[in-house]
Amino acid sequence: MNNDLEELVQIYLTIRTEREKLETAWKANDAVFKQELQVLEQALLVACNETNVNGFRTDSGTVIRKLNERYTTSDWDNFKKFILEHEAVDLLERRIHQGNFKEFIARREGEGLPSGVNVMREYGITVRKPSN
């Protein structure tokens, strides 16, 4: 049985290493494509701006100029006060911060989970290469 486990670990590490090599190569290639697309997008945006249009058609495809907006904060303490003051919890994304919640529950051991909160636990495997 020990030989079987040795072989499983060896195969696992070989596959993981190959995946890492492929991912590294893919990321390098993808970075080049992303950069090329950004250059092309800028040229198309310039064309929209110069002709004062929000889009145009060609035989190859349609270009649409759109305004993207993202909101960020550099002052989380102030933003939290704002959220509480306006009872605007829905301005936040609906997910639980895993590390903070785990720490919160650990400090209140024995109280159980708040209503509506579920926990999913499953075992996983970590395989490490032997250290020298």
N, C-alpha and C. Protein backbone atom coordinates (compact mmCIF):
# COMPACT_ATOMS: atom_id res chain seq x y z
N MET A 1 0.82 -1.19 0.00
CA MET A 1 0.00 0.00 0.00
C MET A 1 0.87 1.26 0.00
N ASN A 2 1.98 1.25 0.71
CA ASN A 2 2.86 2.41 0.76
C ASN A 2 3.37 2.79 -0.62
N ASN A 3 3.68 1.78 -1.46
CA ASN A 3 4.11 2.04 -2.83
C ASN A 3 3.00 2.69 -3.64
N ASP A 4 1.75 2.27 -3.39
CA ASP A 4 0.61 2.88 -4.08
C ASP A 4 0.47 4.35 -3.70
N LEU A 5 0.64 4.65 -2.42
CA LEU A 5 0.55 6.04 -1.97
C LEU A 5 1.69 6.87 -2.52
N GLU A 6 2.87 6.30 -2.54
CA GLU A 6 4.04 6.99 -3.11
C GLU A 6 3.77 7.36 -4.56
N GLU A 7 3.21 6.42 -5.30
CA GLU A 7 2.92 6.66 -6.72
C GLU A 7 1.83 7.73 -6.88
N LEU A 8 0.80 7.69 -6.04
CA LEU A 8 -0.26 8.69 -6.12
C LEU A 8 0.29 10.09 -5.87
N VAL A 9 1.14 10.22 -4.86
CA VAL A 9 1.72 11.53 -4.54
C VAL A 9 2.62 11.99 -5.68
N GLN A 10 3.40 11.09 -6.23
CA GLN A 10 4.30 11.43 -7.33
C GLN A 10 3.50 11.89 -8.55
N ILE A 11 2.45 11.18 -8.89
CA ILE A 11 1.59 11.56 -10.03
C ILE A 11 0.93 12.91 -9.76
N TYR A 12 0.44 13.09 -8.55
CA TYR A 12 -0.20 14.36 -8.18
C TYR A 12 0.74 15.53 -8.40
N LEU A 13 1.98 15.41 -7.87
CA LEU A 13 2.95 16.49 -7.99
C LEU A 13 3.36 16.72 -9.45
N THR A 14 3.47 15.68 -10.23
CA THR A 14 3.81 15.81 -11.65
C THR A 14 2.72 16.59 -12.40
N ILE A 15 1.47 16.21 -12.16
CA ILE A 15 0.35 16.90 -12.82
C ILE A 15 0.29 18.36 -12.39
N ARG A 16 0.44 18.61 -11.10
CA ARG A 16 0.38 19.98 -10.60
C ARG A 16 1.49 20.83 -11.22
N THR A 17 2.69 20.27 -11.33
CA THR A 17 3.81 21.00 -11.93
C THR A 17 3.53 21.33 -13.39
N GLU A 18 2.99 20.37 -14.12
CA GLU A 18 2.66 20.60 -15.53
C GLU A 18 1.59 21.67 -15.68
N ARG A 19 0.59 21.62 -14.80
CA ARG A 19 -0.46 22.65 -14.83
C ARG A 19 0.13 24.03 -14.57
N GLU A 20 1.05 24.12 -13.62
CA GLU A 20 1.69 25.40 -13.30
C GLU A 20 2.47 25.92 -14.51
N LYS A 21 3.18 25.03 -15.20
CA LYS A 21 3.93 25.44 -16.40
C LYS A 21 2.98 25.96 -17.47
N LEU A 22 1.89 25.23 -17.70
CA LEU A 22 0.91 25.65 -18.71
C LEU A 22 0.25 26.97 -18.33
N GLU A 23 -0.07 27.12 -17.06
CA GLU A 23 -0.70 28.36 -16.61
C GLU A 23 0.25 29.54 -16.78
N THR A 24 1.51 29.36 -16.47
CA THR A 24 2.49 30.44 -16.62
C THR A 24 2.61 30.85 -18.08
N ALA A 25 2.68 29.87 -18.97
CA ALA A 25 2.78 30.16 -20.40
C ALA A 25 1.50 30.84 -20.89
N TRP A 26 0.36 30.34 -20.45
CA TRP A 26 -0.92 30.94 -20.86
C TRP A 26 -1.02 32.38 -20.40
N LYS A 27 -0.65 32.64 -19.14
CA LYS A 27 -0.72 34.01 -18.61
C LYS A 27 0.19 34.95 -19.40
N ALA A 28 1.37 34.47 -19.77
CA ALA A 28 2.29 35.31 -20.55
C ALA A 28 1.68 35.64 -21.91
N ASN A 29 1.12 34.65 -22.58
CA ASN A 29 0.48 34.88 -23.88
C ASN A 29 -0.74 35.77 -23.73
N ASP A 30 -1.53 35.53 -22.71
CA ASP A 30 -2.74 36.31 -22.50
C ASP A 30 -2.42 37.77 -22.23
N ALA A 31 -1.34 38.03 -21.51
CA ALA A 31 -0.94 39.40 -21.21
C ALA A 31 -0.65 40.17 -22.50
N VAL A 32 -0.02 39.49 -23.46
CA VAL A 32 0.26 40.12 -24.76
C VAL A 32 -1.06 40.44 -25.47
N PHE A 33 -1.98 39.49 -25.48
CA PHE A 33 -3.28 39.72 -26.14
C PHE A 33 -4.04 40.86 -25.46
N LYS A 34 -4.03 40.87 -24.13
CA LYS A 34 -4.73 41.94 -23.40
C LYS A 34 -4.17 43.31 -23.77
N GLN A 35 -2.85 43.39 -23.84
CA GLN A 35 -2.21 44.66 -24.18
C GLN A 35 -2.59 45.09 -25.60
N GLU A 36 -2.60 44.15 -26.53
CA GLU A 36 -2.96 44.47 -27.91
C GLU A 36 -4.43 44.93 -27.99
N LEU A 37 -5.30 44.26 -27.23
CA LEU A 37 -6.71 44.65 -27.22
C LEU A 37 -6.88 46.05 -26.64
N GLN A 38 -6.12 46.39 -25.60
CA GLN A 38 -6.22 47.73 -25.01
C GLN A 38 -5.82 48.80 -26.02
N VAL A 39 -4.79 48.55 -26.80
CA VAL A 39 -4.36 49.51 -27.83
C VAL A 39 -5.47 49.69 -28.86
N LEU A 40 -6.07 48.58 -29.28
CA LEU A 40 -7.15 48.65 -30.27
C LEU A 40 -8.38 49.35 -29.70
N GLU A 41 -8.71 49.06 -28.43
CA GLU A 41 -9.86 49.71 -27.79
C GLU A 41 -9.66 51.21 -27.71
N GLN A 42 -8.42 51.64 -27.39
CA GLN A 42 -8.13 53.07 -27.33
C GLN A 42 -8.30 53.72 -28.70
N ALA A 43 -7.85 53.06 -29.74
CA ALA A 43 -8.00 53.60 -31.10
C ALA A 43 -9.48 53.71 -31.47
N LEU A 44 -10.28 52.72 -31.09
CA LEU A 44 -11.72 52.76 -31.39
C LEU A 44 -12.41 53.85 -30.56
N LEU A 45 -11.97 54.04 -29.33
CA LEU A 45 -12.53 55.10 -28.49
C LEU A 45 -12.20 56.47 -29.07
N VAL A 46 -10.99 56.63 -29.55
CA VAL A 46 -10.61 57.89 -30.20
C VAL A 46 -11.50 58.14 -31.41
N ALA A 47 -11.77 57.09 -32.19
CA ALA A 47 -12.64 57.24 -33.37
C ALA A 47 -14.05 57.69 -32.95
N CYS A 48 -14.58 57.11 -31.87
CA CYS A 48 -15.90 57.52 -31.37
C CYS A 48 -15.87 58.97 -30.89
N ASN A 49 -14.83 59.33 -30.15
CA ASN A 49 -14.72 60.69 -29.62
C ASN A 49 -14.58 61.72 -30.73
N GLU A 50 -13.76 61.42 -31.72
CA GLU A 50 -13.53 62.37 -32.82
C GLU A 50 -14.77 62.60 -33.66
N THR A 51 -15.60 61.56 -33.80
CA THR A 51 -16.83 61.68 -34.61
C THR A 51 -18.05 61.96 -33.75
N ASN A 52 -17.83 62.05 -32.42
CA ASN A 52 -18.91 62.34 -31.46
C ASN A 52 -20.09 61.37 -31.60
N VAL A 53 -19.77 60.07 -31.66
CA VAL A 53 -20.81 59.04 -31.72
C VAL A 53 -20.61 58.06 -30.58
N ASN A 54 -21.68 57.37 -30.20
CA ASN A 54 -21.61 56.36 -29.15
C ASN A 54 -21.40 54.96 -29.72
N GLY A 55 -21.21 54.86 -31.01
CA GLY A 55 -20.96 53.58 -31.63
C GLY A 55 -21.05 53.68 -33.14
N PHE A 56 -20.63 52.61 -33.78
CA PHE A 56 -20.73 52.55 -35.25
C PHE A 56 -20.67 51.10 -35.70
N ARG A 57 -21.13 50.87 -36.92
CA ARG A 57 -21.11 49.53 -37.51
C ARG A 57 -20.10 49.45 -38.63
N THR A 58 -19.50 48.27 -38.71
CA THR A 58 -18.68 47.95 -39.87
C THR A 58 -19.14 46.58 -40.35
N ASP A 59 -18.66 46.16 -41.49
CA ASP A 59 -18.99 44.81 -41.96
C ASP A 59 -18.46 43.75 -41.02
N SER A 60 -17.40 44.08 -40.29
CA SER A 60 -16.78 43.10 -39.38
C SER A 60 -17.43 43.07 -38.01
N GLY A 61 -18.14 44.13 -37.62
CA GLY A 61 -18.76 44.14 -36.30
C GLY A 61 -19.20 45.52 -35.89
N THR A 62 -19.84 45.59 -34.73
CA THR A 62 -20.36 46.83 -34.20
C THR A 62 -19.54 47.27 -33.00
N VAL A 63 -19.24 48.55 -32.91
CA VAL A 63 -18.49 49.13 -31.79
C VAL A 63 -19.46 49.99 -31.00
N ILE A 64 -19.48 49.81 -29.70
CA ILE A 64 -20.35 50.58 -28.83
C ILE A 64 -19.49 51.24 -27.75
N ARG A 65 -19.61 52.56 -27.64
CA ARG A 65 -18.90 53.29 -26.58
C ARG A 65 -19.81 53.31 -25.35
N LYS A 66 -19.28 52.92 -24.22
CA LYS A 66 -20.07 52.91 -22.99
C LYS A 66 -19.27 53.54 -21.87
N LEU A 67 -20.00 54.08 -20.90
CA LEU A 67 -19.38 54.67 -19.73
C LEU A 67 -19.41 53.66 -18.60
N ASN A 68 -18.23 53.29 -18.10
CA ASN A 68 -18.13 52.36 -16.98
C ASN A 68 -17.91 53.17 -15.71
N GLU A 69 -18.61 52.81 -14.65
CA GLU A 69 -18.43 53.49 -13.37
C GLU A 69 -18.15 52.46 -12.28
N ARG A 70 -17.22 52.81 -11.41
CA ARG A 70 -16.91 52.00 -10.23
C ARG A 70 -16.79 52.94 -9.06
N TYR A 71 -17.31 52.52 -7.94
CA TYR A 71 -17.23 53.33 -6.73
C TYR A 71 -16.28 52.66 -5.75
N THR A 72 -15.40 53.46 -5.17
CA THR A 72 -14.45 52.94 -4.18
C THR A 72 -14.41 53.92 -3.01
N THR A 73 -13.80 53.50 -1.93
CA THR A 73 -13.61 54.40 -0.80
C THR A 73 -12.17 54.29 -0.32
N SER A 74 -11.66 55.41 0.13
CA SER A 74 -10.32 55.42 0.72
C SER A 74 -10.42 55.60 2.23
N ASP A 75 -11.66 55.69 2.73
CA ASP A 75 -11.90 55.90 4.16
C ASP A 75 -12.99 54.95 4.63
N TRP A 76 -12.62 53.71 4.94
CA TRP A 76 -13.61 52.69 5.31
C TRP A 76 -14.33 53.03 6.61
N ASP A 77 -13.63 53.62 7.55
CA ASP A 77 -14.28 53.97 8.82
C ASP A 77 -15.42 54.95 8.58
N ASN A 78 -15.16 55.98 7.78
CA ASN A 78 -16.19 56.96 7.47
C ASN A 78 -17.32 56.33 6.66
N PHE A 79 -16.97 55.45 5.72
CA PHE A 79 -18.00 54.80 4.90
C PHE A 79 -18.89 53.89 5.75
N LYS A 80 -18.29 53.18 6.71
CA LYS A 80 -19.09 52.34 7.61
C LYS A 80 -20.07 53.20 8.41
N LYS A 81 -19.62 54.36 8.89
CA LYS A 81 -20.51 55.28 9.60
C LYS A 81 -21.67 55.71 8.70
N PHE A 82 -21.34 56.01 7.44
CA PHE A 82 -22.35 56.41 6.46
C PHE A 82 -23.39 55.30 6.27
N ILE A 83 -22.92 54.07 6.11
CA ILE A 83 -23.81 52.91 5.92
C ILE A 83 -24.74 52.77 7.11
N LEU A 84 -24.19 52.85 8.32
CA LEU A 84 -25.01 52.70 9.52
C LEU A 84 -25.97 53.88 9.70
N GLU A 85 -25.51 55.08 9.45
CA GLU A 85 -26.33 56.27 9.61
C GLU A 85 -27.55 56.24 8.68
N HIS A 86 -27.35 55.75 7.46
CA HIS A 86 -28.42 55.72 6.47
C HIS A 86 -29.09 54.35 6.36
N GLU A 87 -28.71 53.44 7.25
CA GLU A 87 -29.25 52.07 7.21
C GLU A 87 -29.20 51.53 5.77
N ALA A 88 -28.05 51.68 5.16
CA ALA A 88 -27.87 51.35 3.74
C ALA A 88 -26.97 50.14 3.54
N VAL A 89 -27.24 49.08 4.28
CA VAL A 89 -26.42 47.87 4.20
C VAL A 89 -26.42 47.29 2.78
N ASP A 90 -27.49 47.53 2.02
CA ASP A 90 -27.56 47.00 0.66
C ASP A 90 -26.56 47.64 -0.29
N LEU A 91 -25.86 48.67 0.15
CA LEU A 91 -24.80 49.26 -0.68
C LEU A 91 -23.57 48.36 -0.70
N LEU A 92 -23.52 47.40 0.19
CA LEU A 92 -22.40 46.47 0.25
C LEU A 92 -22.73 45.21 -0.52
N GLU A 93 -21.71 44.49 -0.95
CA GLU A 93 -21.93 43.22 -1.63
C GLU A 93 -22.42 42.18 -0.63
N ARG A 94 -23.19 41.25 -1.11
CA ARG A 94 -23.80 40.25 -0.24
C ARG A 94 -22.96 38.99 -0.16
N ARG A 95 -21.94 39.08 0.66
CA ARG A 95 -21.12 37.91 0.95
C ARG A 95 -20.50 38.11 2.31
N ILE A 96 -20.17 37.04 2.94
CA ILE A 96 -19.59 37.07 4.27
C ILE A 96 -18.07 37.01 4.13
N HIS A 97 -17.38 37.90 4.80
CA HIS A 97 -15.92 37.84 4.82
C HIS A 97 -15.53 36.63 5.65
N GLN A 98 -14.96 35.63 5.01
CA GLN A 98 -14.73 34.33 5.65
C GLN A 98 -13.82 34.43 6.87
N GLY A 99 -12.69 35.10 6.75
CA GLY A 99 -11.74 35.18 7.86
C GLY A 99 -12.31 35.95 9.04
N ASN A 100 -12.93 37.10 8.76
CA ASN A 100 -13.50 37.91 9.84
C ASN A 100 -14.63 37.18 10.54
N PHE A 101 -15.48 36.49 9.78
CA PHE A 101 -16.61 35.80 10.38
C PHE A 101 -16.14 34.62 11.23
N LYS A 102 -15.13 33.90 10.74
CA LYS A 102 -14.59 32.78 11.51
C LYS A 102 -14.04 33.27 12.84
N GLU A 103 -13.34 34.40 12.81
CA GLU A 103 -12.80 34.98 14.05
C GLU A 103 -13.93 35.45 14.97
N PHE A 104 -14.96 36.05 14.42
CA PHE A 104 -16.12 36.53 15.17
C PHE A 104 -16.80 35.37 15.90
N ILE A 105 -17.02 34.27 15.19
CA ILE A 105 -17.68 33.09 15.77
C ILE A 105 -16.79 32.46 16.84
N ALA A 106 -15.49 32.43 16.60
CA ALA A 106 -14.56 31.84 17.59
C ALA A 106 -14.61 32.61 18.90
N ARG A 107 -14.78 33.92 18.85
CA ARG A 107 -14.86 34.73 20.07
C ARG A 107 -16.17 34.50 20.82
N ARG A 108 -17.16 33.97 20.12
CA ARG A 108 -18.49 33.74 20.72
C ARG A 108 -18.83 32.25 20.73
N GLU A 109 -17.82 31.46 21.04
CA GLU A 109 -17.98 30.00 21.05
C GLU A 109 -19.14 29.61 21.96
N GLY A 110 -19.96 28.73 21.47
CA GLY A 110 -21.10 28.25 22.25
C GLY A 110 -22.40 28.97 21.92
N GLU A 111 -22.31 30.14 21.30
CA GLU A 111 -23.53 30.88 20.96
C GLU A 111 -24.17 30.36 19.68
N GLY A 112 -23.43 29.63 18.88
CA GLY A 112 -23.96 29.12 17.62
C GLY A 112 -23.94 30.18 16.53
N LEU A 113 -24.43 29.77 15.37
CA LEU A 113 -24.45 30.67 14.22
C LEU A 113 -25.68 31.57 14.26
N PRO A 114 -25.57 32.78 13.75
CA PRO A 114 -26.76 33.63 13.65
C PRO A 114 -27.79 33.00 12.72
N SER A 115 -29.03 33.34 12.92
CA SER A 115 -30.10 32.82 12.08
C SER A 115 -29.83 33.12 10.61
N GLY A 116 -30.02 32.13 9.76
CA GLY A 116 -29.83 32.30 8.32
C GLY A 116 -28.42 32.07 7.83
N VAL A 117 -27.49 31.81 8.74
CA VAL A 117 -26.10 31.56 8.34
C VAL A 117 -25.86 30.06 8.38
N ASN A 118 -25.30 29.55 7.33
CA ASN A 118 -24.97 28.13 7.24
C ASN A 118 -23.46 27.97 7.18
N VAL A 119 -22.99 26.82 7.57
CA VAL A 119 -21.57 26.51 7.45
C VAL A 119 -21.44 25.22 6.66
N MET A 120 -20.48 25.22 5.73
CA MET A 120 -20.18 24.01 4.95
C MET A 120 -18.74 23.65 5.26
N ARG A 121 -18.53 22.42 5.66
CA ARG A 121 -17.18 21.95 5.96
C ARG A 121 -16.92 20.71 5.14
N GLU A 122 -15.72 20.64 4.63
CA GLU A 122 -15.30 19.44 3.91
C GLU A 122 -13.79 19.30 4.03
N TYR A 123 -13.33 18.07 4.07
CA TYR A 123 -11.91 17.82 4.13
C TYR A 123 -11.31 18.02 2.75
N GLY A 124 -10.10 18.51 2.72
CA GLY A 124 -9.34 18.65 1.49
C GLY A 124 -7.96 18.06 1.70
N ILE A 125 -7.20 18.04 0.65
CA ILE A 125 -5.85 17.48 0.70
C ILE A 125 -4.86 18.54 0.24
N THR A 126 -3.76 18.64 0.94
CA THR A 126 -2.63 19.49 0.53
C THR A 126 -1.45 18.57 0.32
N VAL A 127 -0.80 18.69 -0.82
CA VAL A 127 0.38 17.87 -1.10
C VAL A 127 1.56 18.80 -1.26
N ARG A 128 2.62 18.54 -0.49
CA ARG A 128 3.83 19.34 -0.54
C ARG A 128 4.98 18.50 -1.05
N LYS A 129 5.85 19.17 -1.76
CA LYS A 129 7.07 18.51 -2.18
C LYS A 129 7.96 18.28 -0.97
N PRO A 130 8.80 17.27 -0.99
CA PRO A 130 9.69 17.05 0.16
C PRO A 130 10.68 18.22 0.28
N SER A 131 10.97 18.60 1.52
CA SER A 131 11.94 19.69 1.71
C SER A 131 13.34 19.13 1.74
N ASN A 132 14.26 19.94 1.34
CA ASN A 132 15.66 19.48 1.28
C ASN A 132 16.33 19.57 2.62
